[in-house]
Amino acid sequence: MFKIVANYLNKKNLKDEKYLYLFDKNDEDEYICFDCETTGLDTKNDDIVSIGAVLIKNNTIVSSKKFVKFIKPKSKLHANSIKIHHIRECDLENGEDINDVIEDFLEFIGNRKLVGYFLEFDVAMINKYIKPKLGITLPNKTYEVSAIYHDYKIELIPQGHIDLRFNSIMEDLNIPFMGKHDAYNDALMTAMMFLKLKNNKKVRLK
């Protein structure tokens, strides 16, 4: 009930009717798995430098339907972030404007369900840009892979420690590593983890 009310109020705040499609119900077996690389981990002060996303349809990753964008940020890249994604300021000199990328991203995801690893952060970063622009936050249903994995493992080892690190989940689910950690590769590997869990008879998506 709370989600229904929250979604209703969110929809009422929409400034541009062009984006009403985001609120349409999606019962199809389609998901968008996405990941953001950022200048840092502060959702208020840091910026997105890259977004990578893939379409999952009928238990298949549709490789021809992918989203890869690089953005020129307004804030400086933190050294710790560069160590993770290896994106430098010189790599973003020809990056696109975030407002254009956000419009393209919304068109790409549509009303599909969203999947990610620690997705709350990525959604918060997207909301940072669409809230002032459209008056809303992303209304799409979300699936957090680490939470699905935790619920699955806790049934098997109720008293055990569940390692939720990205690489640990990958290894446990026997998912191949795709090389360096960038937004697209991370989205692709997360999509593989999601499908492995989704098709496990012991896993129930809520």
N, C-alpha and C. Protein backbone atom coordinates (compact mmCIF):
# COMPACT_ATOMS: atom_id res chain seq x y z
N MET A 1 0.82 -1.21 0.00
CA MET A 1 0.00 0.00 0.00
C MET A 1 0.86 1.27 0.00
N PHE A 2 1.94 1.24 0.83
CA PHE A 2 2.82 2.41 0.91
C PHE A 2 3.43 2.72 -0.45
N LYS A 3 3.87 1.68 -1.17
CA LYS A 3 4.49 1.89 -2.48
C LYS A 3 3.50 2.47 -3.47
N ILE A 4 2.24 2.03 -3.39
CA ILE A 4 1.20 2.53 -4.30
C ILE A 4 0.98 4.02 -4.07
N VAL A 5 0.88 4.41 -2.79
CA VAL A 5 0.67 5.81 -2.44
C VAL A 5 1.87 6.66 -2.85
N ALA A 6 3.07 6.14 -2.55
CA ALA A 6 4.30 6.88 -2.88
C ALA A 6 4.41 7.08 -4.39
N ASN A 7 4.04 6.05 -5.14
CA ASN A 7 4.11 6.15 -6.61
C ASN A 7 3.07 7.14 -7.14
N TYR A 8 1.90 7.17 -6.50
CA TYR A 8 0.85 8.10 -6.89
C TYR A 8 1.30 9.55 -6.67
N LEU A 9 1.89 9.79 -5.50
CA LEU A 9 2.36 11.14 -5.18
C LEU A 9 3.54 11.53 -6.09
N ASN A 10 4.39 10.57 -6.38
CA ASN A 10 5.51 10.82 -7.27
C ASN A 10 5.02 11.23 -8.66
N LYS A 11 4.02 10.51 -9.15
CA LYS A 11 3.46 10.78 -10.47
C LYS A 11 2.82 12.17 -10.53
N LYS A 12 2.19 12.59 -9.44
CA LYS A 12 1.55 13.90 -9.39
C LYS A 12 2.56 15.03 -9.53
N ASN A 13 3.82 14.76 -9.16
CA ASN A 13 4.86 15.78 -9.21
C ASN A 13 5.53 15.89 -10.59
N LEU A 14 5.16 15.00 -11.51
CA LEU A 14 5.79 14.99 -12.83
C LEU A 14 5.54 16.30 -13.58
N LYS A 15 6.61 16.94 -14.01
CA LYS A 15 6.52 18.24 -14.68
C LYS A 15 6.29 18.13 -16.18
N ASP A 16 6.67 17.00 -16.76
CA ASP A 16 6.61 16.85 -18.22
C ASP A 16 5.85 15.57 -18.57
N GLU A 17 4.67 15.72 -19.18
CA GLU A 17 3.83 14.56 -19.50
C GLU A 17 4.49 13.61 -20.50
N LYS A 18 5.53 14.08 -21.15
CA LYS A 18 6.28 13.24 -22.09
C LYS A 18 6.80 11.98 -21.40
N TYR A 19 7.02 12.08 -20.08
CA TYR A 19 7.62 10.97 -19.34
C TYR A 19 6.60 10.16 -18.53
N LEU A 20 5.32 10.29 -18.87
CA LEU A 20 4.29 9.51 -18.19
C LEU A 20 4.50 8.01 -18.38
N TYR A 21 5.14 7.64 -19.50
CA TYR A 21 5.36 6.21 -19.78
C TYR A 21 6.19 5.52 -18.70
N LEU A 22 6.96 6.29 -17.94
CA LEU A 22 7.77 5.69 -16.87
C LEU A 22 6.89 5.04 -15.80
N PHE A 23 5.66 5.51 -15.69
CA PHE A 23 4.74 5.02 -14.66
C PHE A 23 3.84 3.89 -15.16
N ASP A 24 3.93 3.55 -16.44
CA ASP A 24 3.13 2.45 -16.97
C ASP A 24 3.54 1.14 -16.31
N LYS A 25 2.58 0.27 -16.06
CA LYS A 25 2.89 -1.03 -15.46
C LYS A 25 3.57 -1.92 -16.48
N ASN A 26 4.61 -2.60 -16.04
CA ASN A 26 5.35 -3.49 -16.94
C ASN A 26 5.30 -4.91 -16.41
N ASP A 27 4.53 -5.75 -17.06
CA ASP A 27 4.40 -7.15 -16.65
C ASP A 27 5.26 -8.08 -17.50
N GLU A 28 5.97 -7.52 -18.47
CA GLU A 28 6.79 -8.35 -19.33
C GLU A 28 8.06 -8.81 -18.61
N ASP A 29 8.65 -9.87 -19.12
CA ASP A 29 9.89 -10.39 -18.55
C ASP A 29 11.07 -9.61 -19.11
N GLU A 30 11.10 -8.31 -18.78
CA GLU A 30 12.15 -7.43 -19.25
C GLU A 30 12.72 -6.63 -18.09
N TYR A 31 14.03 -6.51 -18.09
CA TYR A 31 14.73 -5.77 -17.04
C TYR A 31 15.86 -4.97 -17.68
N ILE A 32 16.23 -3.88 -17.03
CA ILE A 32 17.44 -3.15 -17.40
C ILE A 32 18.41 -3.25 -16.23
N CYS A 33 19.58 -3.80 -16.50
CA CYS A 33 20.62 -3.87 -15.49
C CYS A 33 21.60 -2.74 -15.78
N PHE A 34 21.83 -1.86 -14.79
CA PHE A 34 22.71 -0.73 -15.06
C PHE A 34 23.67 -0.44 -13.91
N ASP A 35 24.70 0.31 -14.25
CA ASP A 35 25.72 0.68 -13.28
C ASP A 35 26.24 2.08 -13.61
N CYS A 36 26.56 2.84 -12.58
CA CYS A 36 27.12 4.17 -12.77
C CYS A 36 28.53 4.23 -12.20
N GLU A 37 29.42 4.88 -12.91
CA GLU A 37 30.73 5.24 -12.35
C GLU A 37 30.66 6.72 -12.02
N THR A 38 31.24 7.11 -10.89
CA THR A 38 31.07 8.48 -10.40
C THR A 38 32.40 9.11 -9.98
N THR A 39 32.34 10.42 -9.72
CA THR A 39 33.55 11.11 -9.25
C THR A 39 33.87 10.74 -7.81
N GLY A 40 32.87 10.27 -7.07
CA GLY A 40 33.03 9.89 -5.67
C GLY A 40 31.77 9.23 -5.16
N LEU A 41 31.67 9.07 -3.85
CA LEU A 41 30.54 8.34 -3.27
C LEU A 41 29.52 9.23 -2.55
N ASP A 42 29.62 10.53 -2.75
CA ASP A 42 28.69 11.47 -2.14
C ASP A 42 27.61 11.80 -3.16
N THR A 43 26.40 11.30 -2.94
CA THR A 43 25.34 11.49 -3.94
C THR A 43 24.94 12.96 -4.11
N LYS A 44 25.21 13.78 -3.10
CA LYS A 44 24.84 15.19 -3.19
C LYS A 44 25.87 16.02 -3.95
N ASN A 45 27.14 15.71 -3.76
CA ASN A 45 28.19 16.56 -4.31
C ASN A 45 28.97 15.96 -5.47
N ASP A 46 28.91 14.65 -5.63
CA ASP A 46 29.65 14.01 -6.71
C ASP A 46 28.77 13.85 -7.95
N ASP A 47 29.43 13.53 -9.08
CA ASP A 47 28.73 13.44 -10.35
C ASP A 47 28.96 12.09 -11.03
N ILE A 48 28.06 11.75 -11.93
CA ILE A 48 28.20 10.56 -12.75
C ILE A 48 29.18 10.84 -13.88
N VAL A 49 30.10 9.92 -14.12
CA VAL A 49 31.03 10.07 -15.25
C VAL A 49 30.76 9.03 -16.34
N SER A 50 30.05 7.97 -15.98
CA SER A 50 29.74 6.94 -16.97
C SER A 50 28.52 6.14 -16.54
N ILE A 51 27.69 5.77 -17.51
CA ILE A 51 26.55 4.88 -17.27
C ILE A 51 26.62 3.73 -18.27
N GLY A 52 26.52 2.51 -17.76
CA GLY A 52 26.47 1.34 -18.61
C GLY A 52 25.22 0.54 -18.29
N ALA A 53 24.53 0.06 -19.30
CA ALA A 53 23.29 -0.69 -19.07
C ALA A 53 23.07 -1.72 -20.16
N VAL A 54 22.39 -2.81 -19.78
CA VAL A 54 22.05 -3.85 -20.74
C VAL A 54 20.58 -4.26 -20.54
N LEU A 55 19.99 -4.73 -21.61
CA LEU A 55 18.62 -5.21 -21.57
C LEU A 55 18.59 -6.72 -21.33
N ILE A 56 17.75 -7.14 -20.40
CA ILE A 56 17.49 -8.56 -20.16
C ILE A 56 16.06 -8.83 -20.61
N LYS A 57 15.88 -9.76 -21.53
CA LYS A 57 14.54 -10.07 -22.02
C LYS A 57 14.38 -11.58 -22.15
N ASN A 58 13.33 -12.09 -21.53
CA ASN A 58 13.04 -13.53 -21.59
C ASN A 58 14.27 -14.37 -21.24
N ASN A 59 14.88 -14.02 -20.09
CA ASN A 59 16.04 -14.77 -19.56
C ASN A 59 17.27 -14.70 -20.46
N THR A 60 17.33 -13.68 -21.30
CA THR A 60 18.48 -13.52 -22.19
C THR A 60 19.00 -12.10 -22.11
N ILE A 61 20.33 -11.97 -22.07
CA ILE A 61 20.95 -10.65 -22.14
C ILE A 61 21.03 -10.27 -23.62
N VAL A 62 20.33 -9.23 -23.99
CA VAL A 62 20.27 -8.82 -25.40
C VAL A 62 21.47 -7.91 -25.66
N SER A 63 22.55 -8.49 -26.15
CA SER A 63 23.80 -7.75 -26.31
C SER A 63 23.70 -6.62 -27.33
N SER A 64 22.75 -6.72 -28.23
CA SER A 64 22.59 -5.66 -29.24
C SER A 64 21.90 -4.43 -28.65
N LYS A 65 21.30 -4.59 -27.48
CA LYS A 65 20.61 -3.49 -26.81
C LYS A 65 21.40 -3.09 -25.57
N LYS A 66 22.37 -2.22 -25.77
CA LYS A 66 23.18 -1.77 -24.64
C LYS A 66 23.25 -0.25 -24.62
N PHE A 67 23.60 0.26 -23.46
CA PHE A 67 23.68 1.71 -23.26
C PHE A 67 25.04 2.01 -22.64
N VAL A 68 25.86 2.78 -23.33
CA VAL A 68 27.18 3.15 -22.81
C VAL A 68 27.40 4.64 -23.08
N LYS A 69 27.53 5.41 -22.02
CA LYS A 69 27.73 6.85 -22.16
C LYS A 69 28.80 7.34 -21.18
N PHE A 70 29.59 8.31 -21.64
CA PHE A 70 30.57 8.98 -20.79
C PHE A 70 30.17 10.44 -20.67
N ILE A 71 30.29 10.97 -19.46
CA ILE A 71 29.81 12.31 -19.14
C ILE A 71 30.94 13.18 -18.63
N LYS A 72 30.95 14.42 -19.04
CA LYS A 72 31.93 15.36 -18.51
C LYS A 72 31.39 15.92 -17.20
N PRO A 73 32.02 15.61 -16.07
CA PRO A 73 31.47 16.00 -14.77
C PRO A 73 31.79 17.45 -14.40
N LYS A 74 31.00 17.99 -13.48
CA LYS A 74 31.26 19.34 -12.97
C LYS A 74 32.17 19.30 -11.75
N SER A 75 32.17 18.18 -11.06
CA SER A 75 33.02 18.03 -9.88
C SER A 75 34.28 17.25 -10.24
N LYS A 76 35.31 17.38 -9.40
CA LYS A 76 36.58 16.72 -9.67
C LYS A 76 36.53 15.24 -9.31
N LEU A 77 37.25 14.45 -10.06
CA LEU A 77 37.35 13.02 -9.78
C LEU A 77 38.20 12.79 -8.54
N HIS A 78 37.70 11.95 -7.62
CA HIS A 78 38.48 11.60 -6.44
C HIS A 78 39.48 10.50 -6.79
N ALA A 79 40.64 10.56 -6.15
CA ALA A 79 41.70 9.59 -6.43
C ALA A 79 41.23 8.16 -6.19
N ASN A 80 40.45 7.94 -5.12
CA ASN A 80 39.97 6.59 -4.80
C ASN A 80 39.04 6.06 -5.89
N SER A 81 38.26 6.94 -6.49
CA SER A 81 37.36 6.52 -7.55
C SER A 81 38.13 6.15 -8.81
N ILE A 82 39.17 6.92 -9.11
CA ILE A 82 39.99 6.63 -10.29
C ILE A 82 40.64 5.25 -10.17
N LYS A 83 41.03 4.90 -8.94
CA LYS A 83 41.65 3.59 -8.71
C LYS A 83 40.68 2.45 -9.02
N ILE A 84 39.38 2.71 -8.86
CA ILE A 84 38.38 1.67 -9.09
C ILE A 84 38.01 1.58 -10.57
N HIS A 85 37.62 2.71 -11.16
CA HIS A 85 37.13 2.64 -12.55
C HIS A 85 38.17 3.06 -13.60
N HIS A 86 39.31 3.59 -13.14
CA HIS A 86 40.42 3.96 -14.05
C HIS A 86 40.02 4.99 -15.10
N ILE A 87 39.00 5.79 -14.79
CA ILE A 87 38.61 6.87 -15.68
C ILE A 87 39.25 8.16 -15.16
N ARG A 88 40.02 8.82 -16.03
CA ARG A 88 40.70 10.06 -15.65
C ARG A 88 39.98 11.26 -16.27
N GLU A 89 40.28 12.44 -15.76
CA GLU A 89 39.63 13.64 -16.28
C GLU A 89 39.92 13.83 -17.76
N CYS A 90 41.12 13.47 -18.19
CA CYS A 90 41.46 13.61 -19.61
C CYS A 90 40.64 12.66 -20.49
N ASP A 91 40.15 11.56 -19.88
CA ASP A 91 39.32 10.61 -20.64
C ASP A 91 37.91 11.15 -20.86
N LEU A 92 37.56 12.21 -20.13
CA LEU A 92 36.19 12.72 -20.18
C LEU A 92 36.08 14.08 -20.87
N GLU A 93 37.17 14.51 -21.50
CA GLU A 93 37.16 15.81 -22.16
C GLU A 93 36.10 15.90 -23.25
N ASN A 94 35.83 14.77 -23.91
CA ASN A 94 34.80 14.75 -24.95
C ASN A 94 33.50 14.11 -24.46
N GLY A 95 33.36 14.05 -23.13
CA GLY A 95 32.15 13.47 -22.55
C GLY A 95 30.91 14.30 -22.86
N GLU A 96 29.77 13.66 -22.82
CA GLU A 96 28.51 14.33 -23.13
C GLU A 96 27.98 15.10 -21.93
N ASP A 97 27.01 15.95 -22.17
CA ASP A 97 26.35 16.70 -21.10
C ASP A 97 25.40 15.77 -20.36
N ILE A 98 25.40 15.84 -19.04
CA ILE A 98 24.61 14.92 -18.21
C ILE A 98 23.12 15.01 -18.52
N ASN A 99 22.62 16.20 -18.84
CA ASN A 99 21.19 16.35 -19.12
C ASN A 99 20.77 15.59 -20.38
N ASP A 100 21.63 15.61 -21.38
CA ASP A 100 21.35 14.85 -22.61
C ASP A 100 21.41 13.35 -22.34
N VAL A 101 22.40 12.94 -21.54
CA VAL A 101 22.57 11.51 -21.23
C VAL A 101 21.38 10.99 -20.41
N ILE A 102 20.93 11.79 -19.46
CA ILE A 102 19.79 11.37 -18.62
C ILE A 102 18.55 11.18 -19.48
N GLU A 103 18.30 12.07 -20.43
CA GLU A 103 17.15 11.92 -21.32
C GLU A 103 17.27 10.63 -22.13
N ASP A 104 18.46 10.37 -22.64
CA ASP A 104 18.68 9.14 -23.42
C ASP A 104 18.50 7.90 -22.54
N PHE A 105 18.96 8.01 -21.29
CA PHE A 105 18.87 6.88 -20.36
C PHE A 105 17.41 6.56 -20.03
N LEU A 106 16.62 7.58 -19.77
CA LEU A 106 15.20 7.37 -19.46
C LEU A 106 14.47 6.72 -20.63
N GLU A 107 14.82 7.15 -21.83
CA GLU A 107 14.23 6.54 -23.03
C GLU A 107 14.64 5.08 -23.15
N PHE A 108 15.88 4.78 -22.79
CA PHE A 108 16.40 3.41 -22.88
C PHE A 108 15.72 2.48 -21.87
N ILE A 109 15.56 2.95 -20.63
CA ILE A 109 14.99 2.06 -19.60
C ILE A 109 13.47 1.97 -19.71
N GLY A 110 12.82 3.04 -20.15
CA GLY A 110 11.37 3.02 -20.23
C GLY A 110 10.75 2.69 -18.87
N ASN A 111 9.72 1.84 -18.90
CA ASN A 111 9.06 1.44 -17.65
C ASN A 111 9.52 0.07 -17.17
N ARG A 112 10.65 -0.38 -17.69
CA ARG A 112 11.15 -1.71 -17.32
C ARG A 112 11.66 -1.75 -15.88
N LYS A 113 11.71 -2.95 -15.33
CA LYS A 113 12.25 -3.15 -13.99
C LYS A 113 13.76 -2.98 -14.02
N LEU A 114 14.31 -2.45 -12.93
CA LEU A 114 15.74 -2.15 -12.87
C LEU A 114 16.47 -3.13 -11.97
N VAL A 115 17.67 -3.50 -12.39
CA VAL A 115 18.51 -4.46 -11.66
C VAL A 115 19.88 -3.83 -11.46
N GLY A 116 20.50 -4.12 -10.30
CA GLY A 116 21.85 -3.62 -10.09
C GLY A 116 22.50 -4.21 -8.85
N TYR A 117 23.76 -3.89 -8.68
CA TYR A 117 24.53 -4.30 -7.50
C TYR A 117 24.70 -3.06 -6.63
N PHE A 118 24.19 -3.11 -5.41
CA PHE A 118 24.08 -1.92 -4.55
C PHE A 118 23.41 -0.80 -5.35
N LEU A 119 22.25 -1.16 -5.87
CA LEU A 119 21.49 -0.33 -6.80
C LEU A 119 21.01 0.99 -6.18
N GLU A 120 20.84 0.99 -4.87
CA GLU A 120 20.33 2.18 -4.19
C GLU A 120 21.19 3.41 -4.50
N PHE A 121 22.51 3.22 -4.54
CA PHE A 121 23.42 4.32 -4.82
C PHE A 121 23.24 4.82 -6.25
N ASP A 122 23.19 3.89 -7.20
CA ASP A 122 23.05 4.26 -8.61
C ASP A 122 21.72 4.97 -8.87
N VAL A 123 20.65 4.48 -8.25
CA VAL A 123 19.34 5.11 -8.40
C VAL A 123 19.37 6.52 -7.80
N ALA A 124 20.02 6.66 -6.65
CA ALA A 124 20.12 7.98 -6.00
C ALA A 124 20.87 8.96 -6.89
N MET A 125 21.91 8.48 -7.59
CA MET A 125 22.66 9.35 -8.49
C MET A 125 21.81 9.78 -9.67
N ILE A 126 21.02 8.87 -10.23
CA ILE A 126 20.13 9.22 -11.34
C ILE A 126 19.06 10.21 -10.85
N ASN A 127 18.51 9.94 -9.68
CA ASN A 127 17.47 10.81 -9.13
C ASN A 127 17.98 12.23 -8.88
N LYS A 128 19.25 12.34 -8.59
CA LYS A 128 19.86 13.66 -8.36
C LYS A 128 19.65 14.57 -9.56
N TYR A 129 19.63 13.99 -10.74
CA TYR A 129 19.48 14.79 -11.97
C TYR A 129 18.04 14.90 -12.44
N ILE A 130 17.24 13.83 -12.25
CA ILE A 130 15.88 13.88 -12.78
C ILE A 130 14.90 14.61 -11.84
N LYS A 131 15.21 14.66 -10.55
CA LYS A 131 14.31 15.32 -9.60
C LYS A 131 14.15 16.81 -9.93
N PRO A 132 15.25 17.56 -10.11
CA PRO A 132 15.09 18.99 -10.46
C PRO A 132 14.50 19.18 -11.86
N LYS A 133 14.82 18.26 -12.74
CA LYS A 133 14.40 18.38 -14.15
C LYS A 133 12.93 18.00 -14.35
N LEU A 134 12.50 16.89 -13.73
CA LEU A 134 11.16 16.36 -13.97
C LEU A 134 10.25 16.40 -12.76
N GLY A 135 10.81 16.66 -11.58
CA GLY A 135 10.00 16.73 -10.37
C GLY A 135 9.73 15.37 -9.73
N ILE A 136 10.30 14.29 -10.31
CA ILE A 136 10.04 12.94 -9.82
C ILE A 136 11.35 12.21 -9.53
N THR A 137 11.22 11.06 -8.89
CA THR A 137 12.32 10.11 -8.78
C THR A 137 11.94 8.90 -9.62
N LEU A 138 12.92 8.06 -9.94
CA LEU A 138 12.64 6.89 -10.77
C LEU A 138 11.53 6.04 -10.16
N PRO A 139 10.43 5.81 -10.88
CA PRO A 139 9.32 5.01 -10.35
C PRO A 139 9.45 3.52 -10.62
N ASN A 140 10.46 3.14 -11.39
CA ASN A 140 10.61 1.74 -11.81
C ASN A 140 10.83 0.80 -10.62
N LYS A 141 10.27 -0.39 -10.70
CA LYS A 141 10.51 -1.42 -9.69
C LYS A 141 11.98 -1.82 -9.75
N THR A 142 12.59 -2.07 -8.60
CA THR A 142 14.02 -2.38 -8.55
C THR A 142 14.30 -3.74 -7.91
N TYR A 143 15.40 -4.34 -8.38
CA TYR A 143 15.86 -5.62 -7.84
C TYR A 143 17.35 -5.49 -7.50
N GLU A 144 17.66 -5.63 -6.22
CA GLU A 144 19.03 -5.53 -5.74
C GLU A 144 19.65 -6.93 -5.70
N VAL A 145 20.67 -7.15 -6.52
CA VAL A 145 21.27 -8.48 -6.65
C VAL A 145 21.89 -8.96 -5.35
N SER A 146 22.56 -8.09 -4.61
CA SER A 146 23.19 -8.53 -3.36
C SER A 146 22.13 -8.96 -2.34
N ALA A 147 20.97 -8.31 -2.34
CA ALA A 147 19.88 -8.68 -1.43
C ALA A 147 19.28 -10.03 -1.82
N ILE A 148 19.08 -10.23 -3.13
CA ILE A 148 18.55 -11.51 -3.61
C ILE A 148 19.51 -12.64 -3.25
N TYR A 149 20.80 -12.38 -3.46
CA TYR A 149 21.83 -13.37 -3.14
C TYR A 149 21.85 -13.66 -1.65
N HIS A 150 21.76 -12.63 -0.82
CA HIS A 150 21.77 -12.81 0.64
C HIS A 150 20.61 -13.69 1.09
N ASP A 151 19.41 -13.39 0.59
CA ASP A 151 18.23 -14.16 0.99
C ASP A 151 18.34 -15.62 0.55
N TYR A 152 18.96 -15.82 -0.58
CA TYR A 152 19.18 -17.18 -1.09
C TYR A 152 20.18 -17.95 -0.21
N LYS A 153 21.28 -17.31 0.14
CA LYS A 153 22.33 -17.97 0.91
C LYS A 153 21.93 -18.18 2.37
N ILE A 154 21.17 -17.27 2.93
CA ILE A 154 20.82 -17.36 4.35
C ILE A 154 19.91 -18.56 4.60
N GLU A 155 19.19 -18.99 3.57
CA GLU A 155 18.36 -20.19 3.69
C GLU A 155 19.22 -21.45 3.75
N LEU A 156 20.40 -21.37 3.11
CA LEU A 156 21.29 -22.53 3.07
C LEU A 156 22.18 -22.59 4.30
N ILE A 157 22.62 -21.42 4.77
CA ILE A 157 23.49 -21.36 5.95
C ILE A 157 22.98 -20.27 6.89
N PRO A 158 21.90 -20.56 7.63
CA PRO A 158 21.22 -19.56 8.46
C PRO A 158 22.13 -18.81 9.44
N GLN A 159 23.11 -19.49 10.00
CA GLN A 159 23.98 -18.86 10.99
C GLN A 159 25.30 -18.38 10.40
N GLY A 160 25.45 -18.50 9.09
CA GLY A 160 26.73 -18.20 8.47
C GLY A 160 26.89 -16.75 8.07
N HIS A 161 28.12 -16.37 7.79
CA HIS A 161 28.44 -15.04 7.29
C HIS A 161 28.28 -15.04 5.77
N ILE A 162 27.51 -14.11 5.25
CA ILE A 162 27.28 -14.03 3.81
C ILE A 162 28.18 -12.95 3.23
N ASP A 163 29.10 -13.35 2.39
CA ASP A 163 30.03 -12.42 1.76
C ASP A 163 29.34 -11.77 0.55
N LEU A 164 29.06 -10.48 0.66
CA LEU A 164 28.31 -9.79 -0.38
C LEU A 164 29.19 -8.96 -1.31
N ARG A 165 30.49 -9.15 -1.24
CA ARG A 165 31.37 -8.44 -2.16
C ARG A 165 31.12 -8.91 -3.60
N PHE A 166 31.22 -7.98 -4.53
CA PHE A 166 30.92 -8.25 -5.94
C PHE A 166 31.67 -9.47 -6.45
N ASN A 167 32.98 -9.48 -6.27
CA ASN A 167 33.80 -10.58 -6.80
C ASN A 167 33.49 -11.91 -6.12
N SER A 168 33.12 -11.84 -4.83
CA SER A 168 32.79 -13.07 -4.09
C SER A 168 31.50 -13.69 -4.61
N ILE A 169 30.50 -12.85 -4.88
CA ILE A 169 29.24 -13.36 -5.43
C ILE A 169 29.48 -13.94 -6.82
N MET A 170 30.29 -13.23 -7.62
CA MET A 170 30.63 -13.72 -8.95
C MET A 170 31.24 -15.12 -8.88
N GLU A 171 32.21 -15.26 -7.99
CA GLU A 171 32.92 -16.53 -7.87
C GLU A 171 31.99 -17.64 -7.39
N ASP A 172 31.16 -17.33 -6.40
CA ASP A 172 30.26 -18.34 -5.84
C ASP A 172 29.23 -18.81 -6.86
N LEU A 173 28.79 -17.89 -7.72
CA LEU A 173 27.79 -18.24 -8.74
C LEU A 173 28.42 -18.74 -10.03
N ASN A 174 29.75 -18.81 -10.02
CA ASN A 174 30.50 -19.31 -11.19
C ASN A 174 30.23 -18.47 -12.43
N ILE A 175 30.30 -17.15 -12.25
CA ILE A 175 30.11 -16.21 -13.35
C ILE A 175 31.48 -15.77 -13.85
N PRO A 176 31.73 -15.79 -15.16
CA PRO A 176 33.04 -15.39 -15.69
C PRO A 176 33.29 -13.89 -15.53
N PHE A 177 34.52 -13.54 -15.17
CA PHE A 177 34.88 -12.13 -15.06
C PHE A 177 35.09 -11.55 -16.46
N MET A 178 34.63 -10.31 -16.65
CA MET A 178 34.68 -9.68 -17.96
C MET A 178 35.80 -8.65 -18.07
N GLY A 179 36.80 -8.74 -17.22
CA GLY A 179 37.90 -7.78 -17.29
C GLY A 179 37.72 -6.63 -16.34
N LYS A 180 38.17 -5.45 -16.76
CA LYS A 180 38.21 -4.28 -15.88
C LYS A 180 36.82 -3.90 -15.41
N HIS A 181 36.79 -3.24 -14.24
CA HIS A 181 35.53 -2.74 -13.70
C HIS A 181 35.19 -1.40 -14.35
N ASP A 182 34.31 -1.44 -15.34
CA ASP A 182 33.73 -0.19 -15.85
C ASP A 182 32.22 -0.36 -15.82
N ALA A 183 31.50 0.71 -16.11
CA ALA A 183 30.05 0.68 -15.95
C ALA A 183 29.38 -0.41 -16.79
N TYR A 184 29.80 -0.54 -18.05
CA TYR A 184 29.16 -1.54 -18.91
C TYR A 184 29.50 -2.96 -18.48
N ASN A 185 30.77 -3.24 -18.23
CA ASN A 185 31.16 -4.59 -17.81
C ASN A 185 30.51 -4.97 -16.49
N ASP A 186 30.44 -4.02 -15.56
CA ASP A 186 29.80 -4.31 -14.28
C ASP A 186 28.31 -4.59 -14.46
N ALA A 187 27.67 -3.84 -15.35
CA ALA A 187 26.24 -4.08 -15.63
C ALA A 187 26.06 -5.45 -16.25
N LEU A 188 26.95 -5.82 -17.15
CA LEU A 188 26.88 -7.11 -17.82
C LEU A 188 27.07 -8.26 -16.83
N MET A 189 28.08 -8.15 -15.96
CA MET A 189 28.33 -9.21 -14.98
C MET A 189 27.20 -9.29 -13.96
N THR A 190 26.66 -8.14 -13.57
CA THR A 190 25.53 -8.12 -12.63
C THR A 190 24.31 -8.77 -13.27
N ALA A 191 24.11 -8.54 -14.55
CA ALA A 191 22.99 -9.16 -15.27
C ALA A 191 23.13 -10.69 -15.26
N MET A 192 24.36 -11.17 -15.42
CA MET A 192 24.60 -12.61 -15.37
C MET A 192 24.29 -13.18 -13.99
N MET A 193 24.70 -12.44 -12.95
CA MET A 193 24.40 -12.88 -11.58
C MET A 193 22.89 -12.93 -11.35
N PHE A 194 22.20 -11.90 -11.82
CA PHE A 194 20.76 -11.82 -11.65
C PHE A 194 20.06 -13.00 -12.32
N LEU A 195 20.45 -13.30 -13.55
CA LEU A 195 19.82 -14.41 -14.27
C LEU A 195 20.10 -15.75 -13.59
N LYS A 196 21.32 -15.91 -13.07
CA LYS A 196 21.67 -17.15 -12.39
C LYS A 196 20.79 -17.34 -11.16
N LEU A 197 20.56 -16.26 -10.43
CA LEU A 197 19.71 -16.32 -9.24
C LEU A 197 18.24 -16.46 -9.62
N LYS A 198 17.81 -15.69 -10.58
CA LYS A 198 16.40 -15.67 -11.00
C LYS A 198 15.93 -17.05 -11.45
N ASN A 199 16.83 -17.81 -12.07
CA ASN A 199 16.45 -19.12 -12.60
C ASN A 199 16.75 -20.27 -11.64
N ASN A 200 17.15 -19.92 -10.43
CA ASN A 200 17.34 -20.93 -9.38
C ASN A 200 15.98 -21.21 -8.72
N LYS A 201 15.58 -22.44 -8.66
CA LYS A 201 14.26 -22.81 -8.13
C LYS A 201 14.08 -22.40 -6.67
N LYS A 202 15.20 -22.21 -5.96
CA LYS A 202 15.14 -21.85 -4.54
C LYS A 202 15.04 -20.34 -4.34
N VAL A 203 15.10 -19.58 -5.42
CA VAL A 203 15.06 -18.12 -5.32
C VAL A 203 13.69 -17.61 -5.77
N ARG A 204 13.12 -16.75 -4.96
CA ARG A 204 11.86 -16.13 -5.31
C ARG A 204 12.03 -14.61 -5.34
N LEU A 205 11.77 -14.01 -6.49
CA LEU A 205 11.86 -12.56 -6.59
C LEU A 205 10.62 -11.93 -5.98
N LYS A 206 10.84 -10.92 -5.18
CA LYS A 206 9.71 -10.27 -4.51
C LYS A 206 9.19 -9.11 -5.35
